[in-house]
Protein backbone atom coordinates (compact mmCIF):
# COMPACT_ATOMS: atom_id res chain seq x y z
CA UNK A 1 -0.03 0.01 0.00
CA UNK A 2 2.86 2.37 0.87
CA UNK A 3 4.60 1.51 -2.43
CA UNK A 4 1.42 2.15 -4.39
CA UNK A 5 0.83 5.46 -2.58
CA UNK A 6 4.42 6.44 -3.18
CA UNK A 7 4.00 5.68 -6.93
CA UNK A 8 0.82 7.71 -7.03
CA UNK A 9 2.56 10.58 -5.29
CA UNK A 10 5.48 10.46 -7.77
CA UNK A 11 3.04 10.42 -10.68
CA UNK A 12 1.04 13.30 -9.21
CA UNK A 13 4.25 15.30 -8.65
CA UNK A 14 5.36 14.66 -12.26
CA UNK A 15 1.97 15.85 -13.48
CA UNK A 16 2.22 19.01 -11.36
CA UNK A 17 5.74 19.70 -12.61
CA UNK A 18 4.54 19.24 -16.18
CA UNK A 19 1.69 21.63 -15.66
CA UNK A 20 4.02 24.25 -14.00
CA UNK A 21 6.56 23.97 -16.79
CA UNK A 22 4.01 24.48 -19.48
CA UNK A 23 4.91 27.63 -21.47
CA UNK A 24 2.34 30.41 -20.87
CA UNK A 25 2.30 32.82 -23.76
CA UNK A 26 -0.56 34.91 -25.03
CA UNK A 27 -2.14 33.91 -28.36
CA UNK A 28 -0.36 35.48 -31.32
CA UNK A 29 -2.44 36.17 -34.40
CA UNK A 30 -1.76 33.73 -37.26
CA UNK A 31 1.07 34.88 -39.52
CA UNK A 32 2.30 37.47 -36.95
CA UNK A 33 5.52 37.80 -35.04
CA UNK A 34 4.93 38.50 -31.38
CA UNK A 35 7.54 39.52 -28.78
CA UNK A 36 7.07 38.91 -25.06
CA UNK A 37 9.24 41.55 -23.42
CA UNK A 38 10.25 41.62 -19.74
CA UNK A 39 10.56 45.34 -18.75
CA UNK A 40 11.37 45.52 -15.03
CA UNK A 41 8.58 47.78 -13.67
CA UNK A 42 5.04 48.94 -14.41
CA UNK A 43 5.05 52.28 -16.28
CA UNK A 44 3.39 55.09 -14.42
CA UNK A 45 2.80 57.02 -17.59
CA UNK A 46 3.50 56.77 -21.35
CA UNK A 47 3.56 60.51 -21.76
CA UNK A 48 6.99 61.47 -23.13
CA UNK A 49 6.89 64.81 -21.39
CA UNK A 50 6.21 63.48 -17.88
CA UNK A 51 7.83 60.01 -17.91
CA UNK A 52 10.91 59.41 -15.81
CA UNK A 53 12.06 55.78 -15.63
CA UNK A 54 14.00 53.79 -18.21
CA UNK A 55 11.25 51.17 -18.31
CA UNK A 56 8.82 53.86 -19.42
CA UNK A 57 11.30 55.19 -21.95
CA UNK A 58 11.64 51.74 -23.58
CA UNK A 59 7.92 51.61 -24.40
CA UNK A 60 7.59 55.29 -25.31
CA UNK A 61 10.60 55.07 -27.61
CA UNK A 62 8.91 52.29 -29.57
CA UNK A 63 5.70 54.37 -29.84
CA UNK A 64 7.05 57.87 -30.59
CA UNK A 65 10.06 59.10 -32.49
CA UNK A 66 11.89 62.38 -32.17
CA UNK A 67 13.91 64.43 -34.63
CA UNK A 68 16.67 61.90 -34.43
CA UNK A 69 16.44 58.33 -33.27
CA UNK A 70 18.66 55.46 -32.16
CA UNK A 71 20.32 53.26 -34.66
CA UNK A 72 20.89 49.59 -33.59
CA UNK A 73 24.17 50.62 -32.01
CA UNK A 74 22.58 53.53 -30.14
CA UNK A 75 24.10 56.26 -32.39
CA UNK A 76 21.85 59.07 -33.58
CA UNK A 77 20.37 58.73 -37.06
CA UNK A 78 17.56 60.50 -38.84
CA UNK A 79 14.18 60.10 -37.24
CA UNK A 80 11.40 62.51 -38.03
CA UNK A 81 14.11 64.83 -39.40
CA UNK A 82 15.84 63.74 -42.59
CA UNK A 83 18.59 66.40 -42.36
CA UNK A 84 19.67 69.29 -40.14
CA UNK A 85 22.21 72.11 -40.06
CA UNK A 86 23.53 74.57 -37.51
CA UNK A 87 24.33 78.27 -38.03
CA UNK A 88 28.06 79.28 -37.79
CA UNK A 89 27.62 80.39 -34.18
CA UNK A 90 26.00 77.11 -33.24
CA UNK A 91 22.91 78.84 -31.83
CA UNK A 92 20.32 78.16 -34.51
CA UNK A 93 19.54 74.69 -35.81
CA UNK A 94 17.23 73.92 -38.73
CA UNK A 95 15.59 70.50 -39.01
CA UNK A 96 13.98 69.30 -42.18
CA UNK A 97 11.10 66.88 -41.44
CA UNK A 98 10.08 63.95 -43.57
CA UNK A 99 6.53 63.25 -44.74
CA UNK A 100 5.15 61.28 -41.81
CA UNK A 101 1.80 60.55 -40.17
CA UNK A 102 0.52 59.97 -36.69
CA UNK A 103 -1.14 56.59 -36.12
CA UNK A 104 -4.57 58.23 -36.72
CA UNK A 105 -3.47 59.38 -40.23
CA UNK A 106 -2.96 63.04 -39.36
CA UNK A 107 0.32 64.53 -40.67
CA UNK A 108 3.21 65.06 -38.25
CA UNK A 109 4.26 68.73 -38.52
CA UNK A 110 6.85 71.04 -37.13
CA UNK A 111 4.08 72.60 -35.00
CA UNK A 112 3.73 69.29 -33.08
CA UNK A 113 7.33 69.76 -31.96
CA UNK A 114 6.81 73.37 -31.02
CA UNK A 115 3.73 72.45 -29.05
CA UNK A 116 5.54 69.61 -27.22
CA UNK A 117 8.49 71.81 -26.25
CA UNK A 118 6.21 74.51 -24.86
CA UNK A 119 4.19 71.85 -23.05
CA UNK A 120 7.15 70.32 -21.33
CA UNK A 121 8.41 73.72 -20.24
CA UNK A 122 5.05 74.83 -18.98
CA UNK A 123 5.31 74.97 -15.14
CA UNK A 124 1.85 73.42 -14.99
CA UNK A 125 3.16 70.24 -16.63
CA UNK A 126 5.69 69.83 -13.75
CA UNK A 127 7.94 67.72 -15.89
CA UNK A 128 10.92 66.21 -14.18
CA UNK A 129 12.84 66.41 -17.46
CA UNK A 130 12.06 70.04 -18.30
CA UNK A 131 15.60 70.97 -17.36
CA UNK A 132 16.93 69.25 -20.54
CA UNK A 133 14.71 71.40 -22.76
CA UNK A 134 15.91 74.61 -21.07
CA UNK A 135 18.72 74.42 -23.60
CA UNK A 136 16.26 76.24 -25.89
CA UNK A 137 16.40 79.99 -25.69
CA UNK A 138 14.21 81.39 -22.93
CA UNK A 139 13.46 77.82 -21.85
CA UNK A 140 14.55 78.33 -18.24
CA UNK A 141 12.65 81.65 -17.98
CA UNK A 142 9.47 80.00 -19.37
CA UNK A 143 9.83 77.07 -16.98
CA UNK A 144 10.20 79.47 -14.10
CA UNK A 145 7.08 81.32 -15.16
CA UNK A 146 9.11 84.44 -15.94
CA UNK A 147 8.62 84.43 -19.73
CA UNK A 148 5.72 83.44 -21.93
CA UNK A 149 5.86 79.99 -23.53
CA UNK A 150 5.71 81.73 -26.94
CA UNK A 151 9.18 83.10 -26.16
CA UNK A 152 10.78 79.59 -26.20
CA UNK A 153 13.24 79.09 -29.04
CA UNK A 154 11.27 76.71 -31.17
CA UNK A 155 9.59 77.88 -34.38
CA UNK A 156 7.74 76.14 -37.20
CA UNK A 157 8.95 77.83 -40.34
CA UNK A 158 6.56 75.66 -42.34
CA UNK A 159 5.00 72.20 -41.72
CA UNK A 160 8.22 70.45 -42.66
CA UNK A 161 10.84 72.88 -41.25
CA UNK A 162 11.60 73.32 -37.56
CA UNK A 163 13.99 75.95 -36.27
CA UNK A 164 15.48 75.68 -32.78
CA UNK A 165 17.32 78.60 -31.17
CA UNK A 166 19.55 77.69 -28.25
CA UNK A 167 20.80 79.50 -25.15
CA UNK A 168 24.32 78.38 -25.95
CA UNK A 169 26.11 76.21 -28.52
CA UNK A 170 25.44 72.55 -28.15
CA UNK A 171 27.26 70.35 -30.70
CA UNK A 172 25.69 67.33 -28.97
CA UNK A 173 22.16 68.48 -29.98
CA UNK A 174 21.55 65.53 -32.41
CA UNK A 175 22.26 63.31 -29.42
CA UNK A 176 20.01 65.05 -26.97
CA UNK A 177 16.97 65.31 -29.32
CA UNK A 178 16.83 61.50 -29.42
CA UNK A 179 15.61 61.73 -25.81
CA UNK A 180 11.92 61.46 -24.97
CA UNK A 181 11.85 65.01 -23.52
CA UNK A 182 12.32 66.22 -27.11
CA UNK A 183 9.64 63.93 -28.64
CA UNK A 184 6.69 65.57 -30.42
CA UNK A 185 3.15 64.99 -29.19
CA UNK A 186 0.01 65.04 -31.37
CA UNK A 187 -1.20 68.59 -30.75
CA UNK A 188 -4.63 67.85 -32.29
CA UNK A 189 -5.22 65.06 -29.70
CA UNK A 190 -3.61 66.55 -26.58
CA UNK A 191 -5.43 69.86 -26.95
CA UNK A 192 -8.70 67.95 -27.16
CA UNK A 193 -8.20 65.29 -24.47
CA UNK A 194 -5.57 66.67 -22.14
CA UNK A 195 -3.80 64.06 -19.97
CA UNK A 196 -6.30 61.40 -21.10
CA UNK A 197 -4.53 61.21 -24.43
CA UNK A 198 -2.14 58.58 -23.10
CA UNK A 199 -4.82 55.94 -22.50
CA UNK A 200 -5.51 53.00 -24.93
CA UNK A 201 -7.99 54.12 -27.55
CA UNK A 202 -6.81 57.77 -27.29
CA UNK A 203 -3.03 57.32 -27.68
CA UNK A 204 -1.71 58.55 -31.04
CA UNK A 205 1.89 57.80 -31.97
CA UNK A 206 4.24 58.45 -34.87
CA UNK A 207 6.68 55.59 -34.25
CA UNK A 208 6.91 51.95 -35.29
CA UNK A 209 4.11 50.91 -32.91
CA UNK A 210 0.76 52.05 -31.58
CA UNK A 211 -0.75 51.38 -28.14
CA UNK A 212 -3.58 48.88 -28.22
CA UNK A 213 -3.96 47.74 -24.59
CA UNK A 214 -2.72 48.45 -21.10
CA UNK A 215 -3.66 46.06 -18.36
CA UNK A 216 -2.28 47.49 -15.10
CA UNK A 217 -0.05 44.97 -13.32
CA UNK A 218 -0.10 42.69 -16.30
CA UNK A 219 1.12 44.11 -19.59
CA UNK A 220 1.30 46.96 -22.03
CA UNK A 221 0.45 45.82 -25.54
CA UNK A 222 1.51 47.57 -28.72
CA UNK A 223 0.97 46.62 -32.36
CA UNK A 224 2.77 47.61 -35.52
CA UNK A 225 1.74 51.10 -36.72
CA UNK A 226 0.80 50.84 -40.43
CA UNK A 227 1.23 54.59 -40.72
CA UNK A 228 4.88 54.48 -39.61
CA UNK A 229 7.09 55.71 -42.48
CA UNK A 230 9.27 52.59 -42.39
CA UNK A 231 6.56 50.02 -41.47
CA UNK A 232 7.59 47.75 -44.32
CA UNK A 233 10.85 47.03 -42.59
CA UNK A 234 9.40 46.43 -39.11
CA UNK A 235 9.46 42.69 -38.41
CA UNK A 236 7.72 42.28 -35.02
CA UNK A 237 3.95 42.77 -35.30
CA UNK A 238 3.03 42.78 -31.59
CA UNK A 239 4.90 43.39 -28.35
CA UNK A 240 3.70 42.71 -24.82
CA UNK A 241 5.79 44.55 -22.17
CA UNK A 242 5.59 42.96 -18.70
CA UNK A 243 6.63 44.32 -15.32
CA UNK A 244 9.29 41.87 -14.04
CA UNK A 245 10.31 43.13 -10.62
CA UNK A 246 11.29 39.61 -9.53
CA UNK A 247 14.34 39.10 -11.78
CA UNK A 248 14.90 35.48 -10.85
CA UNK A 249 11.33 34.64 -11.72
CA UNK A 250 11.75 36.58 -14.96
CA UNK A 251 14.93 34.60 -15.70
CA UNK A 252 12.97 31.38 -15.40
CA UNK A 253 10.21 32.73 -17.65
CA UNK A 254 12.82 33.52 -20.28
CA UNK A 255 14.30 30.02 -19.86
CA UNK A 256 10.86 28.44 -20.32
CA UNK A 257 10.14 30.55 -23.37
CA UNK A 258 7.31 32.61 -21.82
CA UNK A 259 9.45 35.72 -22.32
CA UNK A 260 11.62 36.32 -25.33
CA UNK A 261 13.81 38.76 -23.37
CA UNK A 262 14.17 40.56 -20.06
CA UNK A 263 16.02 43.80 -19.61
CA UNK A 264 17.92 42.65 -16.56
CA UNK A 265 19.11 39.66 -14.57
CA UNK A 266 20.67 39.25 -11.15
CA UNK A 267 24.34 39.94 -11.49
CA UNK A 268 25.64 37.09 -9.32
CA UNK A 269 23.68 34.56 -11.35
CA UNK A 270 25.61 35.25 -14.57
CA UNK A 271 27.74 32.10 -14.39
CA UNK A 272 24.72 29.89 -13.74
CA UNK A 273 22.81 31.55 -16.62
CA UNK A 274 25.74 30.92 -18.98
CA UNK A 275 25.66 27.26 -18.01
CA UNK A 276 21.92 26.55 -18.22
CA UNK A 277 21.02 29.21 -20.87
CA UNK A 278 24.03 29.53 -23.16
CA UNK A 279 23.84 32.51 -25.48
CA UNK A 280 21.07 34.31 -23.53
CA UNK A 281 23.04 36.58 -21.17
CA UNK A 282 24.16 39.90 -22.67
CA UNK A 283 26.31 41.76 -20.11
CA UNK A 284 27.80 44.93 -21.59
CA UNK A 285 29.45 48.05 -20.29
CA UNK A 286 27.07 50.92 -20.36
CA UNK A 287 27.10 54.64 -19.64
CA UNK A 288 25.56 54.40 -16.22
CA UNK A 289 26.55 54.74 -12.54
CA UNK A 290 24.96 53.25 -9.42
CA UNK A 291 24.95 55.86 -6.65
CA UNK A 292 23.43 57.04 -3.40
CA UNK A 293 21.79 60.36 -2.78
CA UNK A 294 21.83 62.07 0.63
CA UNK A 295 18.79 64.20 1.57
CA UNK A 296 20.67 67.37 2.51
CA UNK A 297 17.47 69.43 2.56
CA UNK A 298 15.64 67.67 5.37
CA UNK A 299 18.12 65.43 7.23
CA UNK A 300 20.34 67.45 9.54
CA UNK A 301 23.24 64.95 9.89
CA UNK A 302 23.61 64.71 6.13
CA UNK A 303 24.24 68.42 5.81
CA UNK A 304 27.60 67.82 7.49
CA UNK A 305 30.31 67.02 4.90
CA UNK A 306 32.16 65.00 7.51
CA UNK A 307 29.22 62.61 7.78
CA UNK A 308 28.78 62.41 4.01
CA UNK A 309 32.46 61.70 3.44
CA UNK A 310 32.51 59.08 6.23
CA UNK A 311 29.54 57.24 4.75
CA UNK A 312 30.98 57.25 1.29
CA UNK A 313 34.49 56.22 2.34
CA UNK A 314 33.17 53.30 4.35
CA UNK A 315 31.58 51.53 1.31
CA UNK A 316 33.66 48.58 0.13
CA UNK A 317 33.24 48.95 -3.57
CA UNK A 318 35.72 46.33 -4.47
CA UNK A 319 33.83 43.67 -2.54
CA UNK A 320 30.51 44.82 -4.00
CA UNK A 321 31.61 44.64 -7.63
CA UNK A 322 34.03 41.71 -7.56
CA UNK A 323 32.46 39.44 -4.95
CA UNK A 324 28.77 40.39 -4.76
CA UNK A 325 27.80 41.49 -8.26
CA UNK A 326 30.38 39.57 -10.40
CA UNK A 327 29.09 40.61 -13.80
CA UNK A 328 31.84 42.98 -14.89
CA UNK A 329 30.84 46.02 -12.73
CA UNK A 330 33.76 48.14 -11.52
CA UNK A 331 34.12 50.41 -8.43
CA UNK A 332 33.10 54.00 -9.04
CA UNK A 333 34.99 56.92 -7.42
CA UNK A 334 33.47 59.48 -9.80
CA UNK A 335 30.05 60.04 -11.31
CA UNK A 336 30.83 60.21 -15.05
CA UNK A 337 31.47 56.58 -16.09
CA UNK A 338 34.15 55.49 -18.58
CA UNK A 339 33.37 55.85 -22.29
CA UNK A 340 31.49 59.16 -22.25
CA UNK A 341 32.43 61.41 -25.14
CA UNK A 342 33.76 64.95 -24.89
CA UNK A 343 35.26 64.50 -21.44
CA UNK A 344 38.66 64.82 -19.79
CA UNK A 345 38.80 62.09 -17.18
CA UNK A 346 40.74 62.48 -13.96
CA UNK A 347 38.24 63.69 -11.28
CA UNK A 348 37.72 61.30 -8.41
CA UNK A 349 36.94 61.37 -4.69
CA UNK A 350 39.75 62.77 -2.61
CA UNK A 351 40.23 59.47 -0.78
CA UNK A 352 39.96 57.16 -3.84
CA UNK A 353 43.53 55.92 -3.61
CA UNK A 354 43.44 54.98 0.07
CA UNK A 355 43.08 51.38 1.16
CA UNK A 356 39.76 50.28 2.50
CA UNK A 357 41.21 49.87 5.97
CA UNK A 358 42.56 53.44 5.92
CA UNK A 359 39.14 54.69 4.79
CA UNK A 360 37.37 52.89 7.59
CA UNK A 361 39.67 54.44 10.17
CA UNK A 362 39.17 57.87 8.70
CA UNK A 363 35.42 57.42 8.50
CA UNK A 364 35.20 56.57 12.17
CA UNK A 365 37.29 59.63 13.04
CA UNK A 366 35.07 61.86 10.95
CA UNK A 367 31.92 60.54 12.62
CA UNK A 368 33.52 61.17 16.03
CA UNK A 369 34.34 64.72 15.02
CA UNK A 370 30.68 65.21 13.95
CA UNK A 371 29.61 64.06 17.42
CA UNK A 372 28.62 60.41 16.86
CA UNK A 373 29.84 57.49 18.93
CA UNK A 374 28.87 54.03 20.17
CA UNK A 375 26.73 55.77 22.86
CA UNK A 376 25.16 58.13 20.40
CA UNK A 377 25.27 56.35 16.97
CA UNK A 378 24.19 57.89 13.76
CA UNK A 379 20.88 56.31 12.65
CA UNK A 380 19.73 56.41 9.05
CA UNK A 381 17.14 54.87 6.77
CA UNK A 382 18.02 53.76 3.21
CA UNK A 383 15.02 53.86 0.86
CA UNK A 384 15.35 51.64 -2.20
CA UNK A 385 13.30 50.08 -4.94
CA UNK A 386 12.08 46.49 -4.35
CA UNK A 387 14.53 44.63 -6.55
CA UNK A 388 16.70 41.68 -5.52
CA UNK A 389 19.90 43.19 -6.89
CA UNK A 390 19.23 46.47 -5.15
CA UNK A 391 18.50 44.73 -1.83
CA UNK A 392 21.80 42.80 -1.99
CA UNK A 393 23.68 46.02 -2.65
CA UNK A 394 21.94 47.89 0.19
CA UNK A 395 22.59 45.07 2.61
CA UNK A 396 26.29 45.22 1.79
CA UNK A 397 26.34 48.97 2.35
CA UNK A 398 24.30 48.49 5.54
CA UNK A 399 27.05 46.08 6.76
CA UNK A 400 29.83 48.49 5.84
CA UNK A 401 28.16 51.25 7.74
CA UNK A 402 27.56 49.06 10.76
CA UNK A 403 31.35 48.45 10.85
CA UNK A 404 31.92 52.18 11.48
CA UNK A 405 29.12 52.42 14.08
CA UNK A 406 26.24 53.62 11.86
CA UNK A 407 22.86 51.98 12.40
CA UNK A 408 21.08 51.85 9.02
CA UNK A 409 17.73 50.30 8.21
CA UNK A 410 16.46 49.47 4.74
CA UNK A 411 13.03 50.31 3.49
CA UNK A 412 11.98 48.81 0.21
CA UNK A 413 9.21 50.27 -2.02
CA UNK A 414 7.85 49.50 -5.43
CA UNK A 415 10.03 51.33 -7.91
CA UNK A 416 7.54 54.07 -8.83
CA UNK A 417 6.80 54.67 -5.14
CA UNK A 418 10.48 54.94 -4.25
CA UNK A 419 11.23 57.43 -6.98
CA UNK A 420 8.17 59.46 -6.11
CA UNK A 421 9.58 59.67 -2.58
CA UNK A 422 12.94 60.78 -3.88
CA UNK A 423 11.32 63.52 -5.94
CA UNK A 424 9.28 64.69 -2.92
CA UNK A 425 12.40 64.43 -0.64
CA UNK A 426 10.63 61.83 1.51
CA UNK A 427 13.84 59.89 2.15
CA UNK A 428 17.09 60.06 4.08
CA UNK A 429 19.40 57.95 1.86
CA UNK A 430 18.22 56.99 -1.62
CA UNK A 431 19.58 54.30 -3.88
CA UNK A 432 19.49 54.72 -7.68
CA UNK A 433 21.38 54.41 -10.95
CA UNK A 434 21.72 57.08 -13.59
CA UNK A 435 21.75 56.02 -17.25
CA UNK A 436 23.00 58.46 -19.79
CA UNK A 437 20.25 60.22 -21.69
CA UNK A 438 22.76 61.23 -24.35
CA UNK A 439 26.47 60.62 -24.80
CA UNK A 440 27.98 63.73 -23.24
CA UNK A 441 29.14 64.44 -19.65
CA UNK A 442 26.32 66.92 -19.16
CA UNK A 443 23.80 64.12 -18.92
CA UNK A 444 25.52 63.29 -15.58
CA UNK A 445 26.88 66.59 -14.36
CA UNK A 446 23.72 68.56 -15.35
CA UNK A 447 21.83 66.35 -12.95
CA UNK A 448 23.46 68.12 -9.98
CA UNK A 449 23.02 71.75 -11.07
CA UNK A 450 21.20 73.77 -8.38
CA UNK A 451 18.35 74.63 -10.81
CA UNK A 452 17.84 71.10 -12.18
CA UNK A 453 14.89 70.44 -9.89
CA UNK A 454 13.43 67.17 -8.74
CA UNK A 455 16.03 64.85 -10.16
CA UNK A 456 18.79 66.56 -8.19
CA UNK A 457 17.56 64.31 -5.38
CA UNK A 458 20.19 65.36 -2.84
CA UNK A 459 19.70 69.07 -3.58
CA UNK A 460 23.35 69.57 -4.19
CA UNK A 461 24.14 73.27 -4.59
CA UNK A 462 27.48 74.99 -5.13
CA UNK A 463 27.74 78.33 -7.07
CA UNK A 464 31.23 77.40 -8.19
CA UNK A 465 29.98 74.15 -9.73
CA UNK A 466 27.10 75.90 -11.48
CA UNK A 467 29.53 78.58 -12.80
CA UNK A 468 31.86 75.96 -14.30
CA UNK A 469 28.97 74.20 -16.13
CA UNK A 470 27.79 77.59 -17.42
CA UNK A 471 31.27 78.48 -18.58
CA UNK A 472 31.57 75.06 -20.28
CA UNK A 473 28.27 75.67 -22.10
CA UNK A 474 29.68 78.75 -23.76
CA UNK A 475 33.18 77.35 -24.51
CA UNK A 476 33.58 76.64 -28.27
CA UNK A 477 36.82 74.72 -27.88
CA UNK A 478 35.99 71.07 -27.25
CA UNK A 479 39.25 70.41 -25.33
CA UNK A 480 38.80 73.33 -22.98
CA UNK A 481 35.15 72.45 -22.49
CA UNK A 482 36.06 68.88 -21.52
CA UNK A 483 38.58 70.17 -18.95
CA UNK A 484 36.08 72.63 -17.41
CA UNK A 485 33.53 69.78 -17.02
CA UNK A 486 36.22 67.67 -15.32
CA UNK A 487 36.93 70.53 -12.92
CA UNK A 488 33.22 70.80 -12.18
CA UNK A 489 33.03 67.06 -11.35
CA UNK A 490 36.00 67.40 -9.05
CA UNK A 491 34.34 70.27 -7.25
CA UNK A 492 31.19 68.23 -6.67
CA UNK A 493 33.16 65.14 -5.54
CA UNK A 494 35.17 67.29 -3.12
CA UNK A 495 31.85 68.37 -1.65
CA UNK A 496 30.65 64.73 -1.43
CA UNK A 497 27.70 65.87 -3.46
CA UNK A 498 26.67 62.24 -4.08
CA UNK A 499 28.03 58.75 -3.51
CA UNK A 500 29.25 56.95 -6.62
CA UNK A 501 29.22 53.20 -5.94
CA UNK A 502 29.71 51.20 -9.18
CA UNK A 503 29.93 51.50 -12.98
CA UNK A 504 26.85 49.68 -14.31
CA UNK A 505 26.87 46.72 -16.63
CA UNK A 506 23.71 46.30 -18.66
CA UNK A 507 22.36 42.79 -18.09
CA UNK A 508 19.89 41.75 -20.73
CA UNK A 509 18.61 38.19 -21.23
CA UNK A 510 17.77 37.75 -24.96
CA UNK A 511 16.69 34.53 -26.59
CA UNK A 512 19.25 33.74 -29.28
CA UNK A 513 16.48 33.48 -31.87
CA UNK A 514 15.95 37.22 -31.54
CA UNK A 515 18.09 39.12 -34.01
CA UNK A 516 18.91 42.83 -34.25
CA UNK A 517 19.76 43.29 -30.56
CA UNK A 518 23.08 45.13 -30.54
CA UNK A 519 24.82 45.80 -27.26
CA UNK A 520 25.66 49.57 -27.04
CA UNK A 521 26.80 52.07 -24.43
CA UNK A 522 23.40 53.76 -24.07
CA UNK A 523 21.69 50.32 -23.68
CA UNK A 524 18.88 51.40 -25.96
CA UNK A 525 17.33 48.80 -28.20
CA UNK A 526 14.42 49.97 -30.31
CA UNK A 527 12.04 47.16 -31.18
CA UNK A 528 11.85 48.19 -34.87
CA UNK A 529 15.25 46.59 -35.40
CA UNK A 530 14.32 43.23 -33.79
CA UNK A 531 13.23 40.07 -35.56
CA UNK A 532 13.47 36.29 -35.28
CA UNK A 533 16.10 34.14 -36.98
CA UNK A 534 13.63 32.14 -39.00
CA UNK A 535 11.98 35.31 -40.30
CA UNK A 536 14.96 37.41 -41.29
CA UNK A 537 14.54 36.35 -44.99
CA UNK A 538 11.21 38.14 -44.99
CA UNK A 539 12.94 41.40 -44.24
CA UNK A 540 15.98 41.51 -46.55
CA UNK A 541 17.07 45.09 -45.79
CA UNK A 542 19.55 45.32 -42.99
CA UNK A 543 18.61 48.06 -40.45
CA UNK A 544 22.13 49.38 -40.59
CA UNK A 545 21.83 50.03 -44.34
CA UNK A 546 18.26 51.23 -44.58
CA UNK A 547 16.88 54.58 -45.65
CA UNK A 548 17.78 56.40 -42.43
CA UNK A 549 21.46 55.38 -42.38
CA UNK A 550 21.95 56.39 -46.04
CA UNK A 551 20.50 59.79 -45.24
CA UNK A 552 22.83 60.17 -42.31
CA UNK A 553 25.92 59.38 -44.45
CA UNK A 554 24.76 61.73 -47.24
CA UNK A 555 23.95 64.69 -45.00
């Protein structure tokens, strides 16, 4: 009887395992190519002017296209603009727009761009990314409510010609206008529907895809946009983007074939993934830095540079990157990561060359000078997003701080909630990573300007730092500009304006059957370039040699 029961139990268990291992994918219409896409967190919005997180940007960038767009390798190439030119002084740029339509068939015009730029700079929009668009003449004044929106340096010369006037020369403008903050929005829809334009049924896009469904907590669904100017070369017909906050679970879903890709994996599982899923892991150096922000506005101890320096010195970055993460990350002692263009490297924290033991001794002494001891310890709370990798990192930092007598607790929140708290300064210590919005040091250093706003989470402010960035903005010589920006970074690091922890490695899991995924420093992979191996013959034109790339070479 026991043997029979055991046999029945084994058979039942096998059946259960079989049911659990069954691949769960949504039905894909006959003859279509569908992509199941793990995207880390649930988007809060798909409005390009109010979005903030990289997970939102991935979806928005497949729906809407700016003046320039990302080639497979992340480099700028023609988007809505087919060509552009700058005036001799670098202050006036003229963009020539292609014939293109929104997904509802209405023409995309220069006025849609002008409307979008005024909208993002409107104080009522309260855009976290408005600071990028203040590069337009009178942009800052308009955002501060000190100038009318009509004074912003964006003008539609005619439906196919857009003129942008800048506050200062910006040779990197073709890079920055790839960013979502410079995307157009459909004026004819937004004026009619207001914020409701971003919901399924109302959303109008000009990119390769259109929004067809959004089930909160489940998926965002997009389908190929037949009105996209290059729709004939878009292979994937439908994409479902899923929030995948549990990266280990997402890894298993990719392994089972439920997901075709996931935009991250847990660093310390890289070797295991290589063994059980050969060809899936895509670790690559990227222009991003993991860092901590100190709330210097509301947390009195963190206003003291001795405390900030002690806390930063005490973090064992070598252990974190080499022993804990183990996917190619490197210790960071500066904010601007390696590989950023137009920069003179050399800035680093004042104590970067000291041994970890020396740093611990100095950190304890600094805390004692600031009035903290075993009897009266410094107590702090670290607020972080609910992600396994982030928790491991924060636990390591918590242990490092405990070693110098600091009592730190960790509070985890869903990603959107955590970043909302950072923006509202409802935190003491915040954990985040900054991914370059464009390939220039200003994407990092501009974050810490005193007038940047919400994304300067630690409220760093130093007039000398601001002055160096302003001077660099008006410096025509690229070498001198690079040196000025390096001096600015050194100034900020000497102030312990933030805590650089590690240089980020992008960690994508991509099924080898997916083609067109090119590792690149910006870690941007637009879905219009993706396909499946067995279907490549249906789409003979290589993305790298298509219409857009030819235009870029001929410009």
